[in-house]
Amino acid sequence: MATFEDFQKIDIRVGKIIEVKDFEEARSPSYKVKIDFGELGIKVSSAQITKLYSKKDLLNRQIVAVVNFPPTSKL
């Protein structure tokens, strides 16, 4: 079980999606998104939300993300 001390280590930030593309290499239908986190810079991530949102719906939307997880794959 996670402790309160574990939770305090998580860095959660608000960012703005600045680019959305189809993630053709993904095993499941996904988007590749670029997110501007201001002073932290631009981060790239993926999201399996193609059935819920169009690319147009996501562009310029603010999101909340954990920014200090280690990378899991190359995007």
Protein backbone atom coordinates (compact mmCIF):
# COMPACT_ATOMS: atom_id res chain seq x y z
CA MET A 1 0.00 0.00 0.00
CA ALA A 2 1.26 3.48 -0.81
CA THR A 3 2.07 5.75 2.09
CA PHE A 4 1.62 9.50 2.46
CA GLU A 5 5.40 9.85 2.07
CA ASP A 6 5.14 8.03 -1.29
CA PHE A 7 2.45 10.48 -2.40
CA GLN A 8 4.63 13.46 -1.45
CA LYS A 9 7.29 12.28 -3.94
CA ILE A 10 4.90 12.63 -6.89
CA ASP A 11 5.28 15.82 -8.96
CA ILE A 12 1.86 16.68 -10.43
CA ARG A 13 1.69 19.61 -12.88
CA VAL A 14 -0.79 21.32 -15.18
CA GLY A 15 0.19 21.45 -18.84
CA LYS A 16 -1.32 22.49 -22.16
CA ILE A 17 -1.55 20.08 -25.09
CA ILE A 18 0.15 21.79 -28.03
CA GLU A 19 0.26 18.96 -30.58
CA VAL A 20 -1.72 15.75 -31.16
CA LYS A 21 -0.84 13.09 -33.73
CA ASP A 22 -1.90 9.51 -34.40
CA PHE A 23 0.55 7.09 -32.76
CA GLU A 24 0.86 4.63 -35.63
CA GLU A 25 3.51 2.44 -33.92
CA ALA A 26 1.37 1.77 -30.84
CA ARG A 27 -0.20 -1.65 -30.33
CA SER A 28 -3.56 -0.09 -29.39
CA PRO A 29 -5.10 2.97 -31.05
CA SER A 30 -3.41 5.95 -29.40
CA TYR A 31 -2.43 9.56 -29.78
CA LYS A 32 1.07 10.95 -29.37
CA VAL A 33 0.77 14.29 -27.58
CA LYS A 34 3.18 17.13 -26.88
CA ILE A 35 2.43 18.93 -23.63
CA ASP A 36 3.84 22.32 -22.62
CA PHE A 37 4.59 22.39 -18.89
CA GLY A 38 6.00 25.93 -18.88
CA GLU A 39 9.26 26.06 -16.91
CA LEU A 40 9.66 22.26 -17.19
CA GLY A 41 9.52 22.47 -20.98
CA ILE A 42 7.68 20.34 -23.50
CA LYS A 43 7.11 16.66 -22.74
CA VAL A 44 5.90 13.94 -25.10
CA SER A 45 3.45 11.27 -23.98
CA SER A 46 0.87 8.92 -25.41
CA ALA A 47 -2.79 8.39 -24.60
CA GLN A 48 -5.17 5.58 -25.50
CA ILE A 49 -8.19 7.86 -25.69
CA THR A 50 -8.98 7.81 -29.41
CA LYS A 51 -12.52 6.55 -28.76
CA LEU A 52 -13.25 9.36 -26.29
CA TYR A 53 -11.63 12.42 -27.89
CA SER A 54 -10.77 13.65 -31.36
CA LYS A 55 -7.41 15.29 -31.99
CA LYS A 56 -9.21 18.61 -32.40
CA ASP A 57 -10.89 18.21 -28.98
CA LEU A 58 -7.54 17.69 -27.25
CA LEU A 59 -5.57 20.51 -28.85
CA ASN A 60 -5.03 23.45 -26.45
CA ARG A 61 -6.73 21.58 -23.60
CA GLN A 62 -5.16 21.80 -20.15
CA ILE A 63 -4.37 18.51 -18.46
CA VAL A 64 -2.91 17.32 -15.16
CA ALA A 65 -0.01 14.87 -15.30
CA VAL A 66 2.66 13.30 -13.13
CA VAL A 67 5.95 14.59 -14.56
CA ASN A 68 8.55 12.70 -12.55
CA PHE A 69 7.84 9.11 -13.59
CA PRO A 70 10.75 7.51 -15.48
CA PRO A 71 10.22 6.98 -19.23
CA THR A 72 8.70 3.61 -20.15
CA SER A 73 9.38 3.60 -23.89
CA LYS A 74 10.68 5.74 -26.72
CA LEU A 75 8.07 8.03 -28.27
